[in-house]
Amino acid sequence: MNKTELTKRVSKRMSITQIEARRFVSAFEASLADALKEDKTLMLQGFGTFYLWEQTAREGRNPRTGEACLIRPRLSAKFKPGKNLLKDLNK
């Protein structure tokens, strides 16, 4: 599913226009990113938790030349599903 398909589903489920649904999805994305930047975690009770983790520096290789290069450390996000989501997925 991509953002357009998600927008259509939200629009249908909430009985709103696709434009309003797109604004809702975009606002959720921005709010999620802001929450991760500020607090490092975002917990949605029963659904799951988004959290930051730092990838360490490591050696990589250029796939074309095989030349070694250093991949710098960076922040990334992970998601841990909650009990209710897992229950719904495993019915």
N, C-alpha and C. Protein backbone atom coordinates (compact mmCIF):
# COMPACT_ATOMS: atom_id res chain seq x y z
N MET A 1 0.84 -1.17 0.00
CA MET A 1 0.00 0.00 0.00
C MET A 1 0.89 1.23 0.00
N ASN A 2 0.51 2.20 -0.78
CA ASN A 2 1.25 3.46 -0.79
C ASN A 2 0.39 4.58 -0.18
N LYS A 3 0.92 5.79 -0.18
CA LYS A 3 0.24 6.91 0.48
C LYS A 3 -1.11 7.21 -0.17
N THR A 4 -1.19 7.10 -1.48
CA THR A 4 -2.45 7.37 -2.18
C THR A 4 -3.52 6.36 -1.79
N GLU A 5 -3.15 5.08 -1.72
CA GLU A 5 -4.11 4.05 -1.33
C GLU A 5 -4.54 4.22 0.12
N LEU A 6 -3.58 4.58 0.99
CA LEU A 6 -3.91 4.83 2.39
C LEU A 6 -4.88 6.00 2.51
N THR A 7 -4.63 7.05 1.75
CA THR A 7 -5.50 8.23 1.76
C THR A 7 -6.92 7.85 1.35
N LYS A 8 -7.05 7.02 0.33
CA LYS A 8 -8.38 6.58 -0.12
C LYS A 8 -9.09 5.78 0.97
N ARG A 9 -8.36 4.90 1.66
CA ARG A 9 -8.96 4.10 2.74
C ARG A 9 -9.41 4.97 3.90
N VAL A 10 -8.55 5.92 4.28
CA VAL A 10 -8.89 6.83 5.38
C VAL A 10 -10.11 7.66 4.99
N SER A 11 -10.14 8.14 3.77
CA SER A 11 -11.25 8.93 3.27
C SER A 11 -12.56 8.15 3.36
N LYS A 12 -12.53 6.92 2.93
CA LYS A 12 -13.73 6.08 2.95
C LYS A 12 -14.16 5.75 4.38
N ARG A 13 -13.21 5.37 5.22
CA ARG A 13 -13.52 4.96 6.59
C ARG A 13 -14.04 6.13 7.42
N MET A 14 -13.52 7.32 7.19
CA MET A 14 -13.93 8.49 7.98
C MET A 14 -15.04 9.30 7.31
N SER A 15 -15.46 8.90 6.11
CA SER A 15 -16.49 9.62 5.34
C SER A 15 -16.11 11.09 5.13
N ILE A 16 -14.87 11.29 4.68
CA ILE A 16 -14.38 12.63 4.38
C ILE A 16 -13.81 12.62 2.97
N THR A 17 -13.51 13.80 2.43
CA THR A 17 -12.95 13.86 1.09
C THR A 17 -11.51 13.36 1.10
N GLN A 18 -11.02 13.01 -0.09
CA GLN A 18 -9.64 12.53 -0.20
C GLN A 18 -8.66 13.66 0.12
N ILE A 19 -9.02 14.88 -0.17
CA ILE A 19 -8.14 16.02 0.15
C ILE A 19 -7.98 16.14 1.67
N GLU A 20 -9.10 16.02 2.40
CA GLU A 20 -9.03 16.08 3.85
C GLU A 20 -8.24 14.89 4.41
N ALA A 21 -8.45 13.72 3.82
CA ALA A 21 -7.73 12.53 4.27
C ALA A 21 -6.24 12.69 4.03
N ARG A 22 -5.85 13.25 2.88
CA ARG A 22 -4.43 13.47 2.59
C ARG A 22 -3.82 14.43 3.60
N ARG A 23 -4.57 15.48 3.96
CA ARG A 23 -4.09 16.43 4.98
C ARG A 23 -3.91 15.73 6.32
N PHE A 24 -4.85 14.82 6.66
CA PHE A 24 -4.76 14.06 7.90
C PHE A 24 -3.52 13.16 7.90
N VAL A 25 -3.31 12.42 6.81
CA VAL A 25 -2.16 11.52 6.72
C VAL A 25 -0.85 12.31 6.77
N SER A 26 -0.79 13.42 6.07
CA SER A 26 0.42 14.26 6.08
C SER A 26 0.68 14.83 7.47
N ALA A 27 -0.40 15.25 8.15
CA ALA A 27 -0.24 15.79 9.51
C ALA A 27 0.24 14.70 10.46
N PHE A 28 -0.26 13.47 10.29
CA PHE A 28 0.18 12.36 11.13
C PHE A 28 1.67 12.08 10.89
N GLU A 29 2.09 12.05 9.62
CA GLU A 29 3.51 11.82 9.31
C GLU A 29 4.39 12.89 9.96
N ALA A 30 4.00 14.15 9.82
CA ALA A 30 4.79 15.24 10.38
C ALA A 30 4.83 15.17 11.91
N SER A 31 3.69 14.85 12.51
CA SER A 31 3.62 14.74 13.97
C SER A 31 4.47 13.58 14.47
N LEU A 32 4.46 12.47 13.75
CA LEU A 32 5.28 11.32 14.12
C LEU A 32 6.76 11.67 14.06
N ALA A 33 7.17 12.33 12.98
CA ALA A 33 8.58 12.73 12.84
C ALA A 33 8.98 13.70 13.94
N ASP A 34 8.12 14.68 14.24
CA ASP A 34 8.41 15.64 15.31
C ASP A 34 8.54 14.95 16.66
N ALA A 35 7.62 14.02 16.94
CA ALA A 35 7.64 13.32 18.22
C ALA A 35 8.93 12.51 18.36
N LEU A 36 9.36 11.86 17.29
CA LEU A 36 10.59 11.08 17.35
C LEU A 36 11.80 11.98 17.56
N LYS A 37 11.81 13.14 16.91
CA LYS A 37 12.93 14.07 17.07
C LYS A 37 13.00 14.61 18.49
N GLU A 38 11.84 14.91 19.08
CA GLU A 38 11.80 15.52 20.42
C GLU A 38 11.98 14.49 21.53
N ASP A 39 11.19 13.43 21.50
CA ASP A 39 11.14 12.49 22.62
C ASP A 39 11.85 11.17 22.37
N LYS A 40 12.21 10.90 21.15
CA LYS A 40 12.88 9.66 20.74
C LYS A 40 11.93 8.45 20.65
N THR A 41 10.72 8.53 21.23
CA THR A 41 9.75 7.44 21.11
C THR A 41 8.34 8.00 20.97
N LEU A 42 7.48 7.21 20.35
CA LEU A 42 6.06 7.55 20.26
C LEU A 42 5.29 6.26 20.49
N MET A 43 4.55 6.20 21.60
CA MET A 43 3.80 4.99 21.94
C MET A 43 2.32 5.23 21.68
N LEU A 44 1.73 4.38 20.85
CA LEU A 44 0.30 4.39 20.60
C LEU A 44 -0.26 3.16 21.30
N GLN A 45 -0.90 3.37 22.44
CA GLN A 45 -1.36 2.29 23.32
C GLN A 45 -2.10 1.21 22.55
N GLY A 46 -1.61 -0.02 22.63
CA GLY A 46 -2.24 -1.16 21.99
C GLY A 46 -1.81 -1.36 20.54
N PHE A 47 -1.40 -0.29 19.87
CA PHE A 47 -1.00 -0.39 18.47
C PHE A 47 0.48 -0.68 18.33
N GLY A 48 1.31 0.10 19.03
CA GLY A 48 2.75 -0.14 18.97
C GLY A 48 3.55 1.09 19.32
N THR A 49 4.86 0.92 19.25
CA THR A 49 5.79 1.99 19.62
C THR A 49 6.79 2.23 18.50
N PHE A 50 6.93 3.49 18.11
CA PHE A 50 7.96 3.91 17.18
C PHE A 50 9.11 4.44 18.02
N TYR A 51 10.33 4.08 17.69
CA TYR A 51 11.46 4.59 18.47
C TYR A 51 12.70 4.75 17.58
N LEU A 52 13.58 5.64 18.04
CA LEU A 52 14.83 5.90 17.32
C LEU A 52 15.90 4.94 17.79
N TRP A 53 16.80 4.60 16.88
CA TRP A 53 18.00 3.86 17.27
C TRP A 53 19.13 4.36 16.39
N GLU A 54 20.32 4.33 16.95
CA GLU A 54 21.48 4.85 16.24
C GLU A 54 22.25 3.71 15.58
N GLN A 55 22.37 3.81 14.28
CA GLN A 55 23.19 2.84 13.56
C GLN A 55 24.64 3.27 13.72
N THR A 56 25.50 2.32 14.02
CA THR A 56 26.90 2.64 14.23
C THR A 56 27.62 2.78 12.90
N ALA A 57 28.78 3.42 12.94
CA ALA A 57 29.60 3.54 11.74
C ALA A 57 30.09 2.14 11.36
N ARG A 58 30.17 1.90 10.05
CA ARG A 58 30.63 0.59 9.59
C ARG A 58 31.26 0.73 8.22
N GLU A 59 31.98 -0.30 7.87
CA GLU A 59 32.63 -0.29 6.56
C GLU A 59 31.67 -0.87 5.52
N GLY A 60 31.58 -0.19 4.41
CA GLY A 60 30.75 -0.66 3.30
C GLY A 60 31.59 -0.76 2.04
N ARG A 61 30.98 -1.18 0.97
CA ARG A 61 31.68 -1.31 -0.30
C ARG A 61 30.85 -0.71 -1.42
N ASN A 62 31.53 -0.05 -2.35
CA ASN A 62 30.88 0.44 -3.55
C ASN A 62 30.59 -0.78 -4.42
N PRO A 63 29.32 -1.04 -4.75
CA PRO A 63 29.00 -2.25 -5.51
C PRO A 63 29.60 -2.28 -6.92
N ARG A 64 29.86 -1.12 -7.50
CA ARG A 64 30.44 -1.08 -8.86
C ARG A 64 31.93 -1.35 -8.87
N THR A 65 32.62 -0.71 -7.92
CA THR A 65 34.09 -0.80 -7.95
C THR A 65 34.65 -1.76 -6.90
N GLY A 66 33.85 -2.08 -5.89
CA GLY A 66 34.34 -2.92 -4.81
C GLY A 66 35.20 -2.16 -3.81
N GLU A 67 35.33 -0.86 -4.01
CA GLU A 67 36.16 -0.02 -3.15
C GLU A 67 35.51 0.13 -1.77
N ALA A 68 36.30 -0.02 -0.72
CA ALA A 68 35.80 0.12 0.65
C ALA A 68 35.55 1.59 0.97
N CYS A 69 34.49 1.85 1.74
CA CYS A 69 34.19 3.21 2.18
C CYS A 69 33.53 3.13 3.55
N LEU A 70 33.61 4.23 4.29
CA LEU A 70 33.04 4.28 5.62
C LEU A 70 31.61 4.80 5.53
N ILE A 71 30.69 4.07 6.13
CA ILE A 71 29.30 4.52 6.23
C ILE A 71 29.18 5.18 7.61
N ARG A 72 28.84 6.46 7.61
CA ARG A 72 28.79 7.23 8.85
C ARG A 72 27.62 6.78 9.74
N PRO A 73 27.72 6.99 11.05
CA PRO A 73 26.60 6.65 11.94
C PRO A 73 25.41 7.55 11.63
N ARG A 74 24.20 7.04 11.86
CA ARG A 74 23.00 7.83 11.61
C ARG A 74 21.86 7.32 12.48
N LEU A 75 20.84 8.16 12.61
CA LEU A 75 19.64 7.76 13.34
C LEU A 75 18.67 7.11 12.38
N SER A 76 17.96 6.10 12.86
CA SER A 76 16.94 5.42 12.08
C SER A 76 15.77 5.16 13.01
N ALA A 77 14.64 4.73 12.46
CA ALA A 77 13.46 4.47 13.27
C ALA A 77 13.08 3.00 13.16
N LYS A 78 12.54 2.49 14.26
CA LYS A 78 12.02 1.12 14.29
C LYS A 78 10.62 1.16 14.86
N PHE A 79 9.88 0.07 14.65
CA PHE A 79 8.53 -0.05 15.15
C PHE A 79 8.37 -1.39 15.85
N LYS A 80 7.82 -1.35 17.06
CA LYS A 80 7.54 -2.57 17.80
C LYS A 80 6.02 -2.66 17.96
N PRO A 81 5.38 -3.68 17.38
CA PRO A 81 3.92 -3.76 17.45
C PRO A 81 3.42 -4.02 18.86
N GLY A 82 2.23 -3.50 19.15
CA GLY A 82 1.60 -3.68 20.45
C GLY A 82 0.73 -4.94 20.48
N LYS A 83 0.21 -5.25 21.65
CA LYS A 83 -0.57 -6.47 21.85
C LYS A 83 -1.81 -6.52 20.97
N ASN A 84 -2.57 -5.42 20.90
CA ASN A 84 -3.80 -5.42 20.12
C ASN A 84 -3.52 -5.61 18.63
N LEU A 85 -2.48 -4.97 18.12
CA LEU A 85 -2.13 -5.15 16.70
C LEU A 85 -1.71 -6.59 16.43
N LEU A 86 -0.91 -7.15 17.29
CA LEU A 86 -0.47 -8.54 17.10
C LEU A 86 -1.66 -9.50 17.16
N LYS A 87 -2.60 -9.22 18.07
CA LYS A 87 -3.79 -10.06 18.18
C LYS A 87 -4.61 -10.00 16.89
N ASP A 88 -4.77 -8.79 16.34
CA ASP A 88 -5.53 -8.64 15.09
C ASP A 88 -4.83 -9.33 13.92
N LEU A 89 -3.52 -9.26 13.89
CA LEU A 89 -2.77 -9.87 12.78
C LEU A 89 -2.76 -11.39 12.84
N ASN A 90 -2.89 -11.95 14.03
CA ASN A 90 -2.75 -13.38 14.20
C ASN A 90 -4.06 -14.09 14.57
N LYS A 91 -5.17 -13.60 14.06
CA LYS A 91 -6.46 -14.23 14.33
C LYS A 91 -6.55 -15.56 13.62
